[in-house]
């Protein structure tokens, strides 16, 4: 059974009104492709909102991405945690299972970090069969995963902001109810 991968980028959204902090952790291995991923991601973030504060951290390879993502979240100063982290990298399959093992380990760790810290991690560490796939996803515009990562990050920022505003409104409503019962 063949399952076709989506060839559509998610729609572009503008970041809602608050300032946001995004950390991008990008590997340098397969540099031609990872640099293109990073450049496309940065360009898309800039188009989505000028008030996004972006920090880029480069690491040697894809295997080093998860530990750096976690450090960016847990070692940041209080109040200066990233709102979203984007993980970028390219792994090209060879003739052994090594790439698949690395890809699975990275996926497991990024999910764990996101769930443990409650900071969304956008996972675009790509496990690809060959350079043709890498070109299509990192450099070409149709399947560009750098732009897709930025759009996913913006969608998460907006969702988090909407949830925070909703939570704040519910707290204010609860406080008003408490005051109302105090006066009755």
C-alpha atoms as a PDB file:
ATOM      1  CA  UNK A   1       0.000   0.000   0.000  1.00  0.00           C
ATOM      2  CA  UNK A   2       1.452   3.351  -1.039  1.00  0.00           C
ATOM      3  CA  UNK A   3       0.497   6.443   0.905  1.00  0.00           C
ATOM      4  CA  UNK A   4       1.182   9.686  -0.900  1.00  0.00           C
ATOM      5  CA  UNK A   5       2.786  12.469   1.096  1.00  0.00           C
ATOM      6  CA  UNK A   6       1.074  15.831   1.092  1.00  0.00           C
ATOM      7  CA  UNK A   7       2.489  18.271  -1.407  1.00  0.00           C
ATOM      8  CA  UNK A   8       0.702  21.278   0.043  1.00  0.00           C
ATOM      9  CA  UNK A   9       2.158  23.648   2.579  1.00  0.00           C
ATOM     10  CA  UNK A  10      -0.132  24.587   5.444  1.00  0.00           C
ATOM     11  CA  UNK A  11      -1.682  27.994   4.897  1.00  0.00           C
ATOM     12  CA  UNK A  12       0.283  31.001   6.102  1.00  0.00           C
ATOM     13  CA  UNK A  13      -0.947  32.710   9.227  1.00  0.00           C
ATOM     14  CA  UNK A  14       0.168  35.939  10.823  1.00  0.00           C
ATOM     15  CA  UNK A  15       1.327  35.782  14.401  1.00  0.00           C
ATOM     16  CA  UNK A  16      -1.247  37.206  16.749  1.00  0.00           C
ATOM     17  CA  UNK A  17      -0.436  40.375  18.675  1.00  0.00           C
ATOM     18  CA  UNK A  18       2.021  39.262  21.381  1.00  0.00           C
ATOM     19  CA  UNK A  19       5.779  38.939  21.035  1.00  0.00           C
ATOM     20  CA  UNK A  20       7.026  35.391  20.629  1.00  0.00           C
ATOM     21  CA  UNK A  21      10.358  33.659  21.106  1.00  0.00           C
ATOM     22  CA  UNK A  22      11.337  30.882  18.710  1.00  0.00           C
ATOM     23  CA  UNK A  23      14.515  28.817  18.937  1.00  0.00           C
ATOM     24  CA  UNK A  24      15.651  26.984  15.819  1.00  0.00           C
ATOM     25  CA  UNK A  25      18.078  24.099  16.301  1.00  0.00           C
ATOM     26  CA  UNK A  26      19.566  23.128  12.935  1.00  0.00           C
ATOM     27  CA  UNK A  27      22.229  20.585  12.149  1.00  0.00           C
ATOM     28  CA  UNK A  28      25.094  21.446   9.833  1.00  0.00           C
ATOM     29  CA  UNK A  29      25.595  17.928   8.454  1.00  0.00           C
ATOM     30  CA  UNK A  30      24.344  17.755   4.843  1.00  0.00           C
ATOM     31  CA  UNK A  31      24.936  21.499   4.951  1.00  0.00           C
ATOM     32  CA  UNK A  32      23.634  22.318   1.481  1.00  0.00           C
ATOM     33  CA  UNK A  33      20.213  21.045   2.526  1.00  0.00           C
ATOM     34  CA  UNK A  34      20.136  22.045   6.187  1.00  0.00           C
ATOM     35  CA  UNK A  35      21.181  25.610   5.369  1.00  0.00           C
ATOM     36  CA  UNK A  36      18.403  25.806   2.771  1.00  0.00           C
ATOM     37  CA  UNK A  37      15.908  24.477   5.349  1.00  0.00           C
ATOM     38  CA  UNK A  38      17.070  27.098   7.827  1.00  0.00           C
ATOM     39  CA  UNK A  39      17.028  29.963   5.301  1.00  0.00           C
ATOM     40  CA  UNK A  40      13.504  29.080   4.152  1.00  0.00           C
ATOM     41  CA  UNK A  41      12.310  28.753   7.736  1.00  0.00           C
ATOM     42  CA  UNK A  42      13.741  32.149   8.685  1.00  0.00           C
ATOM     43  CA  UNK A  43      12.272  33.823   5.588  1.00  0.00           C
ATOM     44  CA  UNK A  44       8.829  32.393   6.346  1.00  0.00           C
ATOM     45  CA  UNK A  45       8.973  33.444  10.013  1.00  0.00           C
ATOM     46  CA  UNK A  46       9.869  36.965   8.921  1.00  0.00           C
ATOM     47  CA  UNK A  47       6.915  37.043   6.541  1.00  0.00           C
ATOM     48  CA  UNK A  48       4.554  35.776   9.260  1.00  0.00           C
ATOM     49  CA  UNK A  49       5.407  38.348  11.911  1.00  0.00           C
ATOM     50  CA  UNK A  50       8.070  40.939  12.482  1.00  0.00           C
ATOM     51  CA  UNK A  51       7.805  40.705  16.266  1.00  0.00           C
ATOM     52  CA  UNK A  52       9.050  37.117  16.470  1.00  0.00           C
ATOM     53  CA  UNK A  53      12.371  36.908  18.313  1.00  0.00           C
ATOM     54  CA  UNK A  54      14.416  34.117  16.718  1.00  0.00           C
ATOM     55  CA  UNK A  55      17.533  32.430  18.067  1.00  0.00           C
ATOM     56  CA  UNK A  56      19.394  29.975  15.833  1.00  0.00           C
ATOM     57  CA  UNK A  57      21.634  27.276  17.257  1.00  0.00           C
ATOM     58  CA  UNK A  58      23.674  25.123  14.850  1.00  0.00           C
ATOM     59  CA  UNK A  59      24.788  21.636  15.879  1.00  0.00           C
ATOM     60  CA  UNK A  60      27.103  19.177  14.084  1.00  0.00           C
ATOM     61  CA  UNK A  61      24.521  16.559  13.115  1.00  0.00           C
ATOM     62  CA  UNK A  62      20.936  15.436  13.485  1.00  0.00           C
ATOM     63  CA  UNK A  63      21.759  13.225  16.477  1.00  0.00           C
ATOM     64  CA  UNK A  64      22.766  16.334  18.464  1.00  0.00           C
ATOM     65  CA  UNK A  65      19.472  18.122  17.790  1.00  0.00           C
ATOM     66  CA  UNK A  66      17.372  16.667  20.673  1.00  0.00           C
ATOM     67  CA  UNK A  67      19.850  17.439  23.463  1.00  0.00           C
ATOM     68  CA  UNK A  68      20.231  20.988  22.167  1.00  0.00           C
ATOM     69  CA  UNK A  69      16.460  21.410  21.909  1.00  0.00           C
ATOM     70  CA  UNK A  70      16.108  20.292  25.524  1.00  0.00           C
ATOM     71  CA  UNK A  71      18.915  22.589  26.696  1.00  0.00           C
ATOM     72  CA  UNK A  72      17.256  25.534  24.940  1.00  0.00           C
ATOM     73  CA  UNK A  73      14.100  24.897  26.959  1.00  0.00           C
ATOM     74  CA  UNK A  74      15.304  23.819  30.409  1.00  0.00           C
ATOM     75  CA  UNK A  75      18.401  26.003  30.682  1.00  0.00           C
ATOM     76  CA  UNK A  76      16.824  29.253  29.588  1.00  0.00           C
ATOM     77  CA  UNK A  77      16.372  32.010  32.135  1.00  0.00           C
ATOM     78  CA  UNK A  78      13.010  32.082  33.867  1.00  0.00           C
ATOM     79  CA  UNK A  79      10.614  34.052  31.715  1.00  0.00           C
ATOM     80  CA  UNK A  80      12.891  33.698  28.700  1.00  0.00           C
ATOM     81  CA  UNK A  81      11.876  30.192  27.652  1.00  0.00           C
ATOM     82  CA  UNK A  82      11.144  29.708  23.983  1.00  0.00           C
ATOM     83  CA  UNK A  83       7.471  29.598  23.068  1.00  0.00           C
ATOM     84  CA  UNK A  84       8.247  27.132  20.274  1.00  0.00           C
ATOM     85  CA  UNK A  85      11.357  25.234  19.171  1.00  0.00           C
ATOM     86  CA  UNK A  86      11.947  24.189  15.572  1.00  0.00           C
ATOM     87  CA  UNK A  87      14.248  21.208  14.940  1.00  0.00           C
ATOM     88  CA  UNK A  88      15.833  21.049  11.478  1.00  0.00           C
ATOM     89  CA  UNK A  89      18.110  18.425   9.964  1.00  0.00           C
ATOM     90  CA  UNK A  90      18.624  16.073   7.046  1.00  0.00           C
ATOM     91  CA  UNK A  91      19.471  12.397   7.308  1.00  0.00           C
ATOM     92  CA  UNK A  92      20.133  10.538   4.059  1.00  0.00           C
ATOM     93  CA  UNK A  93      19.627   6.778   4.081  1.00  0.00           C
ATOM     94  CA  UNK A  94      22.565   4.602   3.226  1.00  0.00           C
ATOM     95  CA  UNK A  95      22.890   0.875   2.803  1.00  0.00           C
ATOM     96  CA  UNK A  96      22.564   0.083   6.536  1.00  0.00           C
ATOM     97  CA  UNK A  97      19.846   0.649   9.137  1.00  0.00           C
ATOM     98  CA  UNK A  98      21.864   3.430  10.820  1.00  0.00           C
ATOM     99  CA  UNK A  99      19.808   6.304   9.377  1.00  0.00           C
ATOM    100  CA  UNK A 100      16.517   4.689  10.368  1.00  0.00           C
ATOM    101  CA  UNK A 101      17.764   4.117  13.917  1.00  0.00           C
ATOM    102  CA  UNK A 102      18.931   7.727  14.207  1.00  0.00           C
ATOM    103  CA  UNK A 103      15.651   9.016  12.756  1.00  0.00           C
ATOM    104  CA  UNK A 104      13.562   6.955  15.174  1.00  0.00           C
ATOM    105  CA  UNK A 105      15.656   8.006  18.176  1.00  0.00           C
ATOM    106  CA  UNK A 106      15.374  11.683  17.243  1.00  0.00           C
ATOM    107  CA  UNK A 107      11.614  11.459  16.755  1.00  0.00           C
ATOM    108  CA  UNK A 108      11.142   9.727  20.108  1.00  0.00           C
ATOM    109  CA  UNK A 109      13.274  12.266  21.952  1.00  0.00           C
ATOM    110  CA  UNK A 110      11.725  15.356  20.346  1.00  0.00           C
ATOM    111  CA  UNK A 111       8.243  14.124  21.212  1.00  0.00           C
ATOM    112  CA  UNK A 112       9.338  13.366  24.761  1.00  0.00           C
ATOM    113  CA  UNK A 113      10.911  16.811  25.200  1.00  0.00           C
ATOM    114  CA  UNK A 114       7.788  18.528  23.918  1.00  0.00           C
ATOM    115  CA  UNK A 115       5.463  16.530  26.172  1.00  0.00           C
ATOM    116  CA  UNK A 116       7.717  16.814  29.237  1.00  0.00           C
ATOM    117  CA  UNK A 117       8.336  20.559  28.955  1.00  0.00           C
ATOM    118  CA  UNK A 118       5.033  21.592  27.347  1.00  0.00           C
ATOM    119  CA  UNK A 119       7.005  23.606  24.789  1.00  0.00           C
ATOM    120  CA  UNK A 120       5.963  22.665  21.258  1.00  0.00           C
ATOM    121  CA  UNK A 121       8.781  21.201  19.176  1.00  0.00           C
ATOM    122  CA  UNK A 122       8.292  21.350  15.427  1.00  0.00           C
ATOM    123  CA  UNK A 123      10.025  18.264  14.041  1.00  0.00           C
ATOM    124  CA  UNK A 124      11.582  18.739  10.618  1.00  0.00           C
ATOM    125  CA  UNK A 125      14.588  16.475  10.971  1.00  0.00           C
ATOM    126  CA  UNK A 126      14.041  14.769   7.653  1.00  0.00           C
ATOM    127  CA  UNK A 127      14.887  11.131   6.954  1.00  0.00           C
ATOM    128  CA  UNK A 128      15.216  10.910   3.181  1.00  0.00           C
ATOM    129  CA  UNK A 129      16.166   8.268   0.664  1.00  0.00           C
ATOM    130  CA  UNK A 130      18.410  10.352  -1.575  1.00  0.00           C
ATOM    131  CA  UNK A 131      19.582  13.805  -2.596  1.00  0.00           C
ATOM    132  CA  UNK A 132      16.704  14.189  -5.041  1.00  0.00           C
ATOM    133  CA  UNK A 133      14.244  13.996  -2.136  1.00  0.00           C
ATOM    134  CA  UNK A 134      16.464  16.340  -0.117  1.00  0.00           C
ATOM    135  CA  UNK A 135      16.453  18.903  -2.919  1.00  0.00           C
ATOM    136  CA  UNK A 136      12.660  18.697  -3.258  1.00  0.00           C
ATOM    137  CA  UNK A 137      12.058  19.211   0.469  1.00  0.00           C
ATOM    138  CA  UNK A 138      14.816  21.660   1.377  1.00  0.00           C
ATOM    139  CA  UNK A 139      15.533  23.795  -1.680  1.00  0.00           C
ATOM    140  CA  UNK A 140      12.562  23.598  -4.056  1.00  0.00           C
ATOM    141  CA  UNK A 141       9.408  25.520  -3.213  1.00  0.00           C
ATOM    142  CA  UNK A 142       6.633  22.935  -3.571  1.00  0.00           C
ATOM    143  CA  UNK A 143       7.481  20.623  -0.657  1.00  0.00           C
ATOM    144  CA  UNK A 144       9.641  23.033   1.287  1.00  0.00           C
ATOM    145  CA  UNK A 145       9.839  21.718   4.834  1.00  0.00           C
ATOM    146  CA  UNK A 146      11.640  24.809   6.159  1.00  0.00           C
ATOM    147  CA  UNK A 147       8.645  26.970   5.266  1.00  0.00           C
ATOM    148  CA  UNK A 148       6.318  24.264   6.562  1.00  0.00           C
ATOM    149  CA  UNK A 149       8.140  24.217   9.909  1.00  0.00           C
ATOM    150  CA  UNK A 150       7.774  27.988  10.253  1.00  0.00           C
ATOM    151  CA  UNK A 151       4.065  27.852   9.436  1.00  0.00           C
ATOM    152  CA  UNK A 152       3.522  25.056  11.957  1.00  0.00           C
ATOM    153  CA  UNK A 153       5.388  27.100  14.581  1.00  0.00           C
ATOM    154  CA  UNK A 154       3.221  30.154  13.893  1.00  0.00           C
ATOM    155  CA  UNK A 155       0.069  28.028  14.117  1.00  0.00           C
ATOM    156  CA  UNK A 156       1.232  26.738  17.506  1.00  0.00           C
ATOM    157  CA  UNK A 157       2.088  30.257  18.698  1.00  0.00           C
ATOM    158  CA  UNK A 158      -1.395  31.416  17.750  1.00  0.00           C
ATOM    159  CA  UNK A 159      -3.044  28.431  19.419  1.00  0.00           C
ATOM    160  CA  UNK A 160      -1.037  28.976  22.602  1.00  0.00           C
ATOM    161  CA  UNK A 161      -1.894  32.667  22.657  1.00  0.00           C
ATOM    162  CA  UNK A 162      -5.592  31.974  22.119  1.00  0.00           C
ATOM    163  CA  UNK A 163      -5.529  29.398  24.937  1.00  0.00           C
ATOM    164  CA  UNK A 164      -3.706  31.812  27.256  1.00  0.00           C
ATOM    165  CA  UNK A 165      -6.253  34.561  26.549  1.00  0.00           C
ATOM    166  CA  UNK A 166      -9.095  32.112  27.108  1.00  0.00           C
ATOM    167  CA  UNK A 167      -7.505  30.931  30.357  1.00  0.00           C
ATOM    168  CA  UNK A 168      -7.050  34.550  31.500  1.00  0.00           C
ATOM    169  CA  UNK A 169     -10.683  35.377  30.672  1.00  0.00           C
ATOM    170  CA  UNK A 170     -11.869  32.321  32.621  1.00  0.00           C
ATOM    171  CA  UNK A 171      -9.745  33.365  35.639  1.00  0.00           C
ATOM    172  CA  UNK A 172     -11.133  36.912  35.481  1.00  0.00           C
ATOM    173  CA  UNK A 173     -14.696  35.563  35.210  1.00  0.00           C
ATOM    174  CA  UNK A 174     -14.086  33.299  38.220  1.00  0.00           C
ATOM    175  CA  UNK A 175     -12.759  36.273  40.218  1.00  0.00           C
ATOM    176  CA  UNK A 176     -15.810  38.354  39.278  1.00  0.00           C
ATOM    177  CA  UNK A 177     -18.062  35.486  40.383  1.00  0.00           C
ATOM    178  CA  UNK A 178     -16.207  35.317  43.720  1.00  0.00           C
ATOM    179  CA  UNK A 179     -16.628  39.052  44.236  1.00  0.00           C
ATOM    180  CA  UNK A 180     -20.305  38.778  43.339  1.00  0.00           C
ATOM    181  CA  UNK A 181     -20.884  36.063  45.903  1.00  0.00           C
ATOM    182  CA  UNK A 182     -18.977  38.107  48.503  1.00  0.00           C
ATOM    183  CA  UNK A 183     -21.381  41.030  48.116  1.00  0.00           C
ATOM    184  CA  UNK A 184     -24.553  38.889  48.245  1.00  0.00           C
END
